[in-house]
Protein backbone atom coordinates (compact mmCIF):
# COMPACT_ATOMS: atom_id res chain seq x y z
CA MET A 1 -93.58 -116.76 -172.96
CA LYS A 2 -89.91 -117.18 -173.03
CA ARG A 3 -87.32 -115.58 -170.93
CA SER A 4 -84.46 -114.44 -172.52
CA LYS A 5 -80.83 -115.74 -171.57
CA ALA A 6 -81.08 -112.78 -168.93
CA GLY A 7 -84.07 -114.04 -167.17
CA ARG A 8 -86.37 -111.01 -168.55
CA GLU A 9 -89.22 -112.18 -170.23
CA ARG A 10 -89.35 -111.46 -174.28
CA ILE A 11 -91.63 -108.84 -175.28
CA LYS A 12 -93.98 -110.30 -178.40
CA VAL A 13 -95.84 -108.34 -181.04
CA VAL A 14 -99.89 -109.67 -180.88
CA THR A 15 -101.28 -107.91 -183.26
CA ILE A 16 -100.74 -104.73 -185.27
CA ALA A 17 -103.92 -102.71 -186.98
CA GLU A 18 -104.64 -103.09 -190.45
CA GLU A 19 -105.76 -99.37 -190.87
CA PRO A 20 -103.66 -96.48 -189.51
CA LEU A 21 -105.18 -94.58 -186.60
CA GLU A 22 -103.80 -91.47 -188.08
CA VAL A 23 -101.36 -90.25 -191.07
CA VAL A 24 -99.10 -87.62 -190.52
CA PRO A 25 -98.56 -85.55 -193.96
CA HIS A 26 -94.74 -84.70 -194.42
CA VAL A 27 -92.38 -83.36 -196.93
CA SER A 28 -89.18 -85.29 -197.72
CA ALA A 29 -86.17 -85.09 -200.56
CA ALA A 30 -86.56 -87.11 -203.05
CA ARG A 31 -84.41 -89.82 -203.97
CA GLY A 32 -81.36 -89.01 -206.34
CA SER A 33 -81.89 -85.33 -205.31
CA GLN A 34 -84.72 -85.47 -207.31
CA GLY A 35 -86.84 -82.42 -205.97
CA ILE A 36 -89.21 -83.23 -203.13
CA VAL A 37 -91.87 -85.43 -202.08
CA TYR A 38 -95.27 -85.12 -200.29
CA GLU A 39 -95.65 -88.62 -198.18
CA GLY A 40 -97.69 -89.48 -195.07
CA LEU A 41 -96.43 -91.25 -191.94
CA PRO A 42 -98.94 -93.88 -190.57
CA VAL A 43 -99.17 -94.37 -187.25
CA TYR A 44 -100.73 -97.90 -186.06
CA ARG A 45 -101.97 -99.26 -182.98
CA GLY A 46 -100.88 -102.76 -181.36
CA GLU A 47 -100.48 -104.70 -178.99
CA ILE A 48 -97.63 -106.26 -177.18
CA LEU A 49 -97.13 -108.76 -174.65
CA GLY A 50 -94.30 -108.22 -171.92
CA LEU A 51 -93.77 -104.98 -171.27
CA PRO A 52 -92.81 -103.81 -167.65
CA VAL A 53 -96.00 -102.16 -166.18
CA GLU A 54 -94.36 -98.84 -165.61
CA VAL A 55 -94.10 -98.72 -170.06
CA GLU A 56 -97.70 -97.50 -171.03
CA ALA A 57 -96.72 -97.47 -174.97
CA LEU A 58 -93.81 -98.50 -176.88
CA ILE A 59 -93.20 -96.61 -180.25
CA VAL A 60 -91.27 -97.89 -183.07
CA ALA A 61 -90.07 -95.68 -185.88
CA SER A 62 -87.96 -95.22 -188.25
CA ASP A 63 -86.59 -92.17 -190.33
CA LEU A 64 -88.62 -89.31 -189.03
CA GLN A 65 -86.31 -86.30 -190.82
CA GLY A 66 -88.95 -85.13 -193.37
CA LEU A 67 -90.23 -82.04 -192.23
CA HIS A 68 -94.27 -81.87 -191.29
CA ASP A 69 -96.18 -80.74 -193.95
CA ASN A 70 -98.53 -78.19 -192.78
CA GLY A 71 -99.24 -76.68 -196.10
CA GLU A 72 -96.37 -74.16 -195.46
CA TYR A 73 -92.71 -74.78 -195.36
CA GLY A 74 -91.27 -74.78 -192.02
CA ASP A 75 -88.52 -76.28 -190.42
CA LEU A 76 -90.45 -78.50 -187.78
CA LEU A 77 -89.04 -82.34 -188.59
CA VAL A 78 -91.88 -85.22 -188.07
CA GLY A 79 -89.82 -86.33 -185.77
CA GLU A 80 -90.27 -83.04 -183.58
CA MET A 81 -93.63 -82.63 -184.28
CA LEU A 82 -94.98 -86.34 -183.82
CA PRO A 83 -94.91 -86.79 -180.09
CA ALA A 84 -97.41 -84.50 -179.13
CA THR A 85 -99.78 -86.29 -182.76
CA LEU A 86 -99.59 -89.75 -180.69
CA GLU A 87 -100.16 -88.35 -177.24
CA GLY A 88 -103.70 -87.07 -178.39
CA LEU A 89 -104.34 -90.43 -179.75
CA LEU A 90 -102.93 -92.57 -176.57
């Protein structure tokens, strides 16, 4: 594997599963303040080469500000409840 200019190995994504392991339901604001949308955050497993041995997993995510959808409106953001969900999947 190639090394970066600093001499460290670069990480390389080898595979990403085609189907998600889990889909976390959440509620978000619709674009243009047009109400709310019910969505699901898919969680995929992948394989990465080049991680340091002390790193067990790498989580890559983007906007996690939607509210967790547990059937009621609560104040728990997806990003706040996601660690427990991921811990159960590892």
